[in-house]
Structure formats: C-alpha cells, structure tokens
Amino acid sequence: MKIIVLGGAGDVGSRAVEELVLAEGVQEVAIADRNTAAAQRIADRLAGARANVTVRAVDADDHAGLVRAISGYHVAASALGPFFRFEAKLARAAIEAGADYASVCDEWEAAEAVLDGLQDEARRSGRIVLTGLGTSPGVTNIGIRYLADQLDRPRRADVQVYQPLDAGGGEAVIRHMLHIISGDTVIWRRGARTTIPACSESVRVEFPRFGTVQVWNMGHAEPVTVPRFIPQLEEVNFRMGFGTGSAVFITPAKLGFWKLRPIADAFVRLVVRWEQRQATATPADGAIRVDVWGEKDGKDAHLILCGTGQMREVTGLSLAVGALMLGRKQLSVREGGVYPPEGCIDAATFIRIMRDKGLVAHEDIAQTRPLVPNKS
C-alpha cells in the first residue's frame, strides 16, 4: 500500500506519518507539503522505517498539481487545513487521481460541501471519501455510534470538547478556531437541521481530569454528519471550551471581530509568535466527552464515553488508523461515496485499535472503567 499524507509536515500530519511508516503492508509514505524543507527533515528522521519515506511539494490551490501528486497512491490522508478552504479541493483531486481519501476535516461547512457536492462523483468513480476522522469529529463520532448501538432507541447526543489554549497545533489550528467561533453553526434539534450564531449558547460541563469547564456551541461537523447516518437521533449538539484565557477568543467573536480579515490575520500572527516562543514546552492535554441519551429495555438510559490526551497524538493516530482501514478495505461499506466515520467504520474495532495504541476511552468521568468493547 502507498499512502500520501497531505499536510504531512505539520503538527498532526507528521504524527500520522510517524505511525504509517511503521504499519505492516505499507510500502511508501509520501510527505506532501508546501514546506518541503520541514518535510525532508521528517523524512530524514524516519529513514530506516518499515516503509520508504518520500517528499512531494504540493499547493492546495493547484488542482492539476494535486492530481499529479496523488496519482499512483492508494490513499490520500489529509491533515491540510483550514478545511473550510481546502477539503472539497483535496477530496476532488483524490477522486480524479484514483485514490481513496481520508481527512481530519472538522468544520461543518466543509463536511456538508463534500457530502452534498462530491457524493455522486465518488460513487461513479468507486472511490471512498472518509471525511472528519480526527479527534472531533472522528473519535467523537465513533463514540456516538458505539453508544447509540448499545441503546434500543437513541434520542440525543452531545459532544463536548476541552482544548486548552496551550494544546499546540500551529497557524492552521488557530485559523480554524477563529472560524468555528464566528458566524453561524449547525445544530440538530427536534429532528431538523437549524443554525444559530456561534457562541450563543453556553453550559458548564464536567470533564475527566480537568473538572468543570465552560463550553460554547461552535462550528464542528458532528451535527451535520451524525443525524444523516444515525437518523433515530432527535438532537445532536457540539460544544467546545478553552479553559483559562477563553475570553481572548470568545469576546471578540461575539463582537464579530474575527470576520474582519485584517484583524484575524494580525491576531493569528501574534498567537503564532507566542507559540513559537513556547516551542520547547510540551503541549497540554485536552479532553472529550460524548453523552448519548435514549431508551434501553423500556427505560430511560444515559451512556458516556470520555478520554484525555494531546491533540496531536489523538488526531494524528486517528487519521493514520482510518487511512490504514481504508487502504486495507476494512470498512463496513464497499460502495464508493462520501462517508463520515460513523457511517463506514466499525466502532468497536476502531476503539480497540486506539486502545492498543495507548488511547483509552472510559465509561465514566472518573476514568475508573475503561471501555473494552466486545469483538464484532
């Protein structure tokens, strides 16, 4: 199997590369990035791994160049964001190049664009586009799928994410954060899609390890994809909080500042410089919490899945695991098309693989009961 990692020199992409070069059955991993110097440093560091590591220069705005770069690879795995700019372009190029595609795409507009705009093209070509396979969306969607399948009738799912401001990630992550706290966000309420302004709703949620954190509605993809593939759900919500320092992002968002490109660009440059000065510090852990309510054996039921970890580690591993399952044809679907993880990945299998790599999901906030799903 040959895999090309788009954005492979970045924080998350490089973690996926590190995992893929060790995987059985992978002959080549290409690090595709505009920063070829950084990509080459990673390739040099990984010399001697099980897979051959190569470097390719890519420009996400050059369609013909993307198609040439992806051609000849079985899977294109993407950590190249921000995805509101690039997801549809990258997925379309992969389809044209004859490769399956997996990405960590996390924004609702981008997910909706590929689900609605590329579905027919993917089906005709027999290619699979797996969108939203990071931590959130990704691990969270698979968590919803797993919990919903334990109930006779799932009714509501909430995704809550705690991502501290010192979690790392670089420029693309900062731009993503400014994007998802601006404009409208999708929610699924009373069995219907609707939109509300970002950060217009706020609750306090208890997370494992970190206690109670304030979280707001933001523009992630779970409320777009989950109801399409788990239609019994009447409500799906996504909320995120940053902990200490949240007001630096949230207050200007409510005032509409991040919609103004010059202000947003200046802020991004400021935060990037701050991150560079903190480069020797270990990125802080974050946490996820997935709650699903419904009925089981005629009674009301409430199930939880939660966990903690570094953004780079969880997101990069999730992308790598999904890309390998895609390349090995280990999905629950065979027909080409656009799918989120809850629509094509066996949840129990994915949770077991991630657990074996040290990323353990728990059934309780105290993290005393590791989730150990039965084999399918």
Protein backbone atom coordinates (compact mmCIF):
# COMPACT_ATOMS: atom_id res chain seq x y z
CA MET A 1 0.00 0.00 0.00
CA LYS A 2 1.18 3.50 -0.85
CA ILE A 3 -0.13 6.47 1.15
CA ILE A 4 0.38 10.18 0.60
CA VAL A 5 -0.13 12.46 3.61
CA LEU A 6 -1.25 15.96 2.60
CA GLY A 7 0.00 18.48 5.12
CA GLY A 8 2.38 15.78 6.31
CA ALA A 9 4.98 18.22 7.62
CA GLY A 10 2.52 19.84 10.01
CA ASP A 11 1.84 19.03 13.64
CA VAL A 12 -0.94 16.48 13.12
CA GLY A 13 0.15 15.27 9.69
CA SER A 14 3.65 14.40 10.89
CA ARG A 15 2.18 12.26 13.70
CA ALA A 16 0.14 10.34 11.13
CA VAL A 17 3.30 9.87 9.05
CA GLU A 18 5.20 8.53 12.08
CA GLU A 19 2.51 5.89 12.58
CA LEU A 20 2.03 4.96 8.93
CA VAL A 21 5.72 4.30 8.23
CA LEU A 22 5.66 1.54 10.87
CA ALA A 23 2.46 -0.14 9.67
CA GLU A 24 2.52 -3.62 8.16
CA GLY A 25 1.77 -3.67 4.45
CA VAL A 26 2.72 -0.03 3.79
CA GLN A 27 5.48 0.22 1.20
CA GLU A 28 5.66 4.00 0.81
CA VAL A 29 4.54 7.09 2.70
CA ALA A 30 4.86 10.43 0.90
CA ILE A 31 5.05 13.60 2.96
CA ALA A 32 3.25 16.16 0.80
CA ASP A 33 3.55 19.75 1.95
CA ARG A 34 4.39 23.23 0.70
CA ASN A 35 7.17 23.30 3.31
CA THR A 36 9.44 20.75 1.67
CA ALA A 37 12.37 21.61 3.94
CA ALA A 38 10.37 20.60 7.02
CA ALA A 39 9.08 17.54 5.18
CA GLN A 40 12.62 16.48 4.31
CA ARG A 41 13.72 16.81 7.93
CA ILE A 42 10.91 14.45 8.94
CA ALA A 43 11.82 12.05 6.14
CA ASP A 44 15.46 12.05 7.24
CA ARG A 45 14.45 11.35 10.82
CA LEU A 46 12.30 8.41 9.72
CA ALA A 47 14.89 6.88 7.39
CA GLY A 48 15.14 3.16 8.01
CA ALA A 49 11.48 2.72 8.95
CA ARG A 50 9.47 -0.18 7.56
CA ALA A 51 8.11 1.98 4.71
CA ASN A 52 10.05 4.12 2.27
CA VAL A 53 9.55 7.82 3.02
CA THR A 54 9.45 10.36 0.20
CA VAL A 55 8.75 14.10 -0.08
CA ARG A 56 6.48 15.88 -2.53
CA ALA A 57 5.78 19.59 -2.90
CA VAL A 58 2.07 20.42 -3.08
CA ASP A 59 -0.03 23.55 -3.39
CA ALA A 60 -3.62 23.04 -2.20
CA ASP A 61 -4.84 25.65 -4.71
CA ASP A 62 -3.24 23.89 -7.70
CA HIS A 63 -5.76 21.24 -8.78
CA ALA A 64 -3.69 19.78 -11.60
CA GLY A 65 -0.62 19.63 -9.38
CA LEU A 66 -2.58 17.90 -6.61
CA VAL A 67 -3.89 15.28 -9.03
CA ARG A 68 -0.36 14.59 -10.27
CA ALA A 69 0.97 14.35 -6.71
CA ILE A 70 -1.76 11.94 -5.55
CA SER A 71 -1.77 9.75 -8.68
CA GLY A 72 -0.23 6.34 -8.03
CA TYR A 73 -1.11 6.29 -4.32
CA HIS A 74 -3.83 4.08 -2.89
CA VAL A 75 -4.88 6.50 -0.14
CA ALA A 76 -4.54 10.25 0.32
CA ALA A 77 -4.66 11.13 4.03
CA SER A 78 -5.15 14.82 4.73
CA ALA A 79 -4.24 17.00 7.69
CA LEU A 80 -4.07 20.05 5.44
CA GLY A 81 -6.24 22.82 6.85
CA PRO A 82 -8.04 25.01 7.36
CA PHE A 83 -10.60 22.69 5.86
CA PHE A 84 -13.20 25.34 5.06
CA ARG A 85 -10.72 26.34 2.37
CA PHE A 86 -9.26 23.04 1.26
CA GLU A 87 -11.41 19.97 2.00
CA ALA A 88 -13.52 19.93 -1.16
CA LYS A 89 -10.49 20.75 -3.33
CA LEU A 90 -8.40 17.94 -1.85
CA ALA A 91 -11.16 15.34 -1.94
CA ARG A 92 -11.99 16.18 -5.56
CA ALA A 93 -8.33 15.88 -6.56
CA ALA A 94 -8.05 12.48 -4.84
CA ILE A 95 -11.12 11.17 -6.67
CA GLU A 96 -9.73 12.36 -10.00
CA ALA A 97 -6.35 10.79 -9.18
CA GLY A 98 -8.00 7.43 -8.47
CA ALA A 99 -7.20 7.36 -4.75
CA ASP A 100 -9.38 6.88 -1.69
CA TYR A 101 -9.32 9.85 0.68
CA ALA A 102 -9.39 10.30 4.46
CA SER A 103 -9.10 13.58 6.33
CA VAL A 104 -9.41 15.18 9.74
CA CYS A 105 -11.82 17.79 8.33
CA ASP A 106 -13.58 19.32 11.32
CA GLU A 107 -15.71 22.23 10.05
CA TRP A 108 -19.41 21.85 9.32
CA GLU A 109 -19.42 23.80 6.03
CA ALA A 110 -16.61 21.69 4.60
CA ALA A 111 -18.22 18.43 5.69
CA GLU A 112 -21.55 19.45 4.21
CA ALA A 113 -19.86 20.56 0.98
CA VAL A 114 -18.25 17.17 0.33
CA LEU A 115 -21.27 15.16 1.49
CA ASP A 116 -23.58 17.08 -0.84
CA GLY A 117 -21.22 18.12 -3.62
CA LEU A 118 -18.99 15.07 -4.18
CA GLN A 119 -21.28 12.15 -3.36
CA ASP A 120 -22.26 11.34 -6.95
CA GLU A 121 -18.73 11.81 -8.25
CA ALA A 122 -17.29 9.49 -5.60
CA ARG A 123 -19.92 6.83 -6.26
CA ARG A 124 -19.40 6.91 -10.01
CA SER A 125 -15.64 6.51 -9.60
CA GLY A 126 -15.89 3.85 -6.89
CA ARG A 127 -13.72 5.94 -4.58
CA ILE A 128 -14.37 6.38 -0.85
CA VAL A 129 -14.04 9.79 0.79
CA LEU A 130 -13.84 9.49 4.58
CA THR A 131 -14.27 12.97 6.00
CA GLY A 132 -13.90 14.06 9.62
CA LEU A 133 -11.52 11.48 11.07
CA GLY A 134 -9.59 13.28 13.79
CA THR A 135 -10.39 13.71 17.46
CA SER A 136 -13.51 15.83 16.99
CA PRO A 137 -15.02 14.98 14.64
CA GLY A 138 -13.68 11.45 14.40
CA VAL A 139 -13.22 9.77 17.76
CA THR A 140 -16.33 11.60 18.94
CA ASN A 141 -18.45 10.37 16.00
CA ILE A 142 -17.29 6.82 16.55
CA GLY A 143 -18.11 7.25 20.23
CA ILE A 144 -21.65 8.34 19.35
CA ARG A 145 -22.02 5.36 17.03
CA TYR A 146 -20.79 2.94 19.68
CA LEU A 147 -23.05 4.31 22.43
CA ALA A 148 -26.09 4.64 20.16
CA ASP A 149 -25.73 1.00 19.13
CA GLN A 150 -25.98 -0.02 22.80
CA LEU A 151 -29.47 1.52 23.05
CA ASP A 152 -32.77 0.33 21.65
CA ARG A 153 -33.66 3.90 20.73
CA PRO A 154 -31.05 6.69 20.87
CA ARG A 155 -32.58 10.13 21.12
CA ARG A 156 -29.89 12.73 21.81
CA ALA A 157 -26.11 13.02 21.50
CA ASP A 158 -23.88 15.77 22.90
CA VAL A 159 -20.20 16.19 22.05
CA GLN A 160 -18.18 18.31 24.47
CA VAL A 161 -14.51 19.13 23.90
CA TYR A 162 -11.97 20.81 26.16
CA GLN A 163 -9.00 22.12 24.20
CA PRO A 164 -6.71 24.37 26.27
CA LEU A 165 -5.07 27.28 24.50
CA ASP A 166 -1.61 25.72 25.01
CA ALA A 167 -2.55 22.50 23.20
CA GLY A 168 -0.35 23.37 20.19
CA GLY A 169 -1.23 22.97 16.53
CA GLY A 170 0.18 25.97 14.67
CA GLU A 171 -1.35 28.50 12.30
CA ALA A 172 -3.97 26.24 10.70
CA VAL A 173 -5.41 25.33 14.11
CA ILE A 174 -5.60 28.99 15.15
CA ARG A 175 -7.39 29.95 11.94
CA HIS A 176 -9.73 27.00 12.44
CA MET A 177 -10.54 28.18 15.98
CA LEU A 178 -11.33 31.71 14.80
CA HIS A 179 -13.53 30.29 12.05
CA ILE A 180 -15.63 27.96 14.20
CA ILE A 181 -16.41 30.68 16.78
CA SER A 182 -17.58 33.11 14.09
CA GLY A 183 -20.76 33.19 12.04
CA ASP A 184 -23.48 30.55 12.26
CA THR A 185 -23.18 26.98 13.48
CA VAL A 186 -25.35 23.97 12.68
CA ILE A 187 -27.28 22.16 15.38
CA TRP A 188 -29.76 19.28 15.12
CA ARG A 189 -32.85 19.93 17.23
CA ARG A 190 -36.27 18.22 17.22
CA GLY A 191 -35.17 16.10 14.28
CA ALA A 192 -34.28 19.01 12.00
CA ARG A 193 -31.21 20.93 10.90
CA THR A 194 -31.06 24.53 12.05
CA THR A 195 -28.41 27.20 12.55
CA ILE A 196 -27.68 29.51 15.46
CA PRO A 197 -24.89 32.06 15.98
CA ALA A 198 -21.61 30.62 17.25
CA CYS A 199 -21.03 31.06 20.99
CA SER A 200 -24.70 31.97 21.55
CA GLU A 201 -25.21 29.01 23.91
CA SER A 202 -23.00 28.09 26.82
CA VAL A 203 -23.06 25.42 29.54
CA ARG A 204 -20.64 24.14 32.15
CA VAL A 205 -19.54 20.53 31.70
CA GLU A 206 -17.52 18.15 33.84
CA PHE A 207 -14.56 16.61 32.02
CA PRO A 208 -12.25 13.80 33.10
CA ARG A 209 -9.11 15.10 34.90
CA PHE A 210 -9.98 18.76 34.35
CA GLY A 211 -13.20 19.23 36.30
CA THR A 212 -15.90 21.67 35.23
CA VAL A 213 -15.22 23.80 32.13
CA GLN A 214 -17.40 26.34 30.35
CA VAL A 215 -18.13 25.33 26.74
CA TRP A 216 -19.90 27.09 23.85
CA ASN A 217 -21.61 25.97 20.64
CA MET A 218 -19.11 26.12 17.78
CA GLY A 219 -18.96 25.13 14.14
CA HIS A 220 -17.82 21.49 14.13
CA ALA A 221 -19.16 18.79 11.83
CA GLU A 222 -20.88 16.32 14.18
CA PRO A 223 -24.37 17.94 14.00
CA VAL A 224 -24.13 17.79 10.18
CA THR A 225 -22.95 14.20 9.68
CA VAL A 226 -24.27 12.22 12.66
CA PRO A 227 -28.03 12.67 12.00
CA ARG A 228 -27.56 11.54 8.40
CA PHE A 229 -26.14 8.20 9.49
CA ILE A 230 -27.92 7.73 12.85
CA PRO A 231 -31.35 9.09 11.89
CA GLN A 232 -33.03 7.98 15.14
CA LEU A 233 -31.33 10.88 16.93
CA GLU A 234 -33.62 13.84 17.50
CA GLU A 235 -30.89 16.13 18.83
CA VAL A 236 -27.14 16.48 18.24
CA ASN A 237 -25.04 19.24 19.82
CA PHE A 238 -21.37 20.20 19.69
CA ARG A 239 -19.69 22.47 22.23
CA MET A 240 -16.08 23.36 22.99
CA GLY A 241 -14.22 25.30 25.64
CA PHE A 242 -10.65 26.57 26.00
CA GLY A 243 -10.43 26.99 29.77
CA THR A 244 -8.30 29.84 31.14
CA GLY A 245 -8.00 32.63 28.58
CA SER A 246 -11.19 31.77 26.65
CA ALA A 247 -12.37 35.39 26.75
CA VAL A 248 -9.47 36.40 24.47
CA PHE A 249 -11.18 34.39 21.70
CA ILE A 250 -14.86 34.35 22.66
CA THR A 251 -15.48 38.03 23.41
CA PRO A 252 -14.10 39.35 20.07
CA ALA A 253 -16.00 36.55 18.29
CA LYS A 254 -19.30 37.74 19.72
CA LEU A 255 -18.45 41.25 18.53
CA GLY A 256 -17.74 39.96 15.01
CA PHE A 257 -14.04 40.87 15.02
CA TRP A 258 -12.79 37.56 13.59
CA LYS A 259 -14.89 38.08 10.46
CA LEU A 260 -12.65 41.05 9.66
CA ARG A 261 -9.69 39.57 7.77
CA PRO A 262 -7.03 42.17 8.76
CA ILE A 263 -7.87 41.79 12.45
CA ALA A 264 -7.94 37.99 12.24
CA ASP A 265 -4.64 37.87 10.32
CA ALA A 266 -2.91 40.14 12.85
CA PHE A 267 -4.20 38.04 15.75
CA VAL A 268 -3.04 34.81 14.09
CA ARG A 269 0.46 36.23 13.63
CA LEU A 270 0.54 37.27 17.28
CA VAL A 271 -0.53 33.83 18.54
CA VAL A 272 1.90 32.03 16.19
CA ARG A 273 4.79 34.13 17.56
CA TRP A 274 3.67 33.26 21.10
CA GLU A 275 3.51 29.56 20.23
CA GLN A 276 7.00 29.71 18.71
CA ARG A 277 8.37 31.15 21.94
CA GLN A 278 6.73 28.25 23.78
CA ALA A 279 8.09 25.68 21.30
CA THR A 280 10.09 23.79 23.92
CA ALA A 281 7.04 23.33 26.16
CA THR A 282 5.06 20.09 25.95
CA PRO A 283 1.58 20.74 24.51
CA ALA A 284 -1.13 20.41 27.12
CA ASP A 285 -3.64 17.57 27.15
CA GLY A 286 -7.29 18.13 26.36
CA ALA A 287 -10.40 16.03 26.86
CA ILE A 288 -13.52 14.82 25.10
CA ARG A 289 -16.87 13.78 26.50
CA VAL A 290 -19.64 12.11 24.48
CA ASP A 291 -23.10 11.70 26.05
CA VAL A 292 -25.92 9.73 24.43
CA TRP A 293 -29.43 9.53 25.87
CA GLY A 294 -32.21 7.18 24.83
CA GLU A 295 -34.10 4.04 25.79
CA LYS A 296 -32.90 0.56 26.74
CA ASP A 297 -35.25 -2.27 27.68
CA GLY A 298 -38.13 0.18 28.01
CA LYS A 299 -36.29 2.50 30.40
CA ASP A 300 -34.51 5.83 30.02
CA ALA A 301 -30.75 5.41 29.59
CA HIS A 302 -27.73 7.72 29.56
CA LEU A 303 -24.32 6.50 28.39
CA ILE A 304 -20.95 8.28 28.45
CA LEU A 305 -17.66 7.87 26.61
CA CYS A 306 -14.74 10.10 27.57
CA GLY A 307 -10.97 10.37 27.46
CA THR A 308 -7.96 12.66 27.60
CA GLY A 309 -4.84 13.17 25.50
CA GLN A 310 -2.75 15.52 23.38
CA MET A 311 -4.42 16.89 20.27
CA ARG A 312 -1.50 15.92 18.02
CA GLU A 313 -1.37 12.37 19.33
CA VAL A 314 -5.08 11.59 19.23
CA THR A 315 -5.82 13.34 15.94
CA GLY A 316 -2.74 12.04 14.12
CA LEU A 317 -3.31 8.46 15.27
CA SER A 318 -6.98 8.62 14.38
CA LEU A 319 -6.13 9.73 10.83
CA ALA A 320 -3.47 7.04 10.48
CA VAL A 321 -5.74 4.26 11.75
CA GLY A 322 -8.56 5.36 9.45
CA ALA A 323 -6.25 5.61 6.43
CA LEU A 324 -4.99 2.09 7.07
CA MET A 325 -8.51 0.70 7.47
CA LEU A 326 -9.47 2.46 4.24
CA GLY A 327 -6.47 1.12 2.33
CA ARG A 328 -6.99 -2.40 3.69
CA LYS A 329 -10.70 -2.36 2.80
CA GLN A 330 -11.62 -2.90 6.46
CA LEU A 331 -14.63 -0.58 6.39
CA SER A 332 -18.27 -1.55 6.82
CA VAL A 333 -19.06 -0.22 3.32
CA ARG A 334 -17.87 -1.28 -0.11
CA GLU A 335 -19.66 1.20 -2.35
CA GLY A 336 -17.86 4.38 -3.32
CA GLY A 337 -19.17 7.58 -1.80
CA VAL A 338 -18.61 10.21 0.88
CA TYR A 339 -18.87 8.97 4.46
CA PRO A 340 -18.13 10.25 7.95
CA PRO A 341 -16.55 7.73 10.35
CA GLU A 342 -19.88 6.84 11.98
CA GLY A 343 -21.13 5.80 8.54
CA CYS A 344 -18.35 3.42 7.49
CA ILE A 345 -16.15 2.35 10.44
CA ASP A 346 -16.95 -0.42 12.91
CA ALA A 347 -16.84 1.49 16.19
CA ALA A 348 -15.76 -1.41 18.40
CA THR A 349 -12.85 -2.26 16.10
CA PHE A 350 -11.63 1.35 15.99
CA ILE A 351 -11.88 1.78 19.76
CA ARG A 352 -9.88 -1.43 20.32
CA ILE A 353 -7.14 -0.33 17.90
CA MET A 354 -6.82 3.07 19.56
CA ARG A 355 -6.77 1.41 22.99
CA ASP A 356 -3.95 -0.87 21.88
CA LYS A 357 -2.00 2.27 20.94
CA GLY A 358 -2.46 3.70 24.43
CA LEU A 359 -5.50 5.93 23.85
CA VAL A 360 -8.11 4.53 26.19
CA ALA A 361 -11.78 5.51 26.23
CA HIS A 362 -13.66 5.31 29.51
CA GLU A 363 -17.28 4.83 30.52
CA ASP A 364 -17.10 7.22 33.48
CA ILE A 365 -15.80 10.71 34.19
CA ALA A 366 -13.53 9.41 36.96
CA GLN A 367 -11.88 7.16 34.32
CA THR A 368 -12.09 4.07 36.51
CA ARG A 369 -13.92 1.93 33.90
CA PRO A 370 -12.02 1.55 30.62
CA LEU A 371 -14.25 0.82 27.66
CA VAL A 372 -13.47 -2.68 26.38
CA PRO A 373 -15.88 -3.42 23.51
CA ASN A 374 -16.62 -6.99 22.51
CA LYS A 375 -15.27 -8.19 19.20
CA SER A 376 -17.77 -7.81 16.38
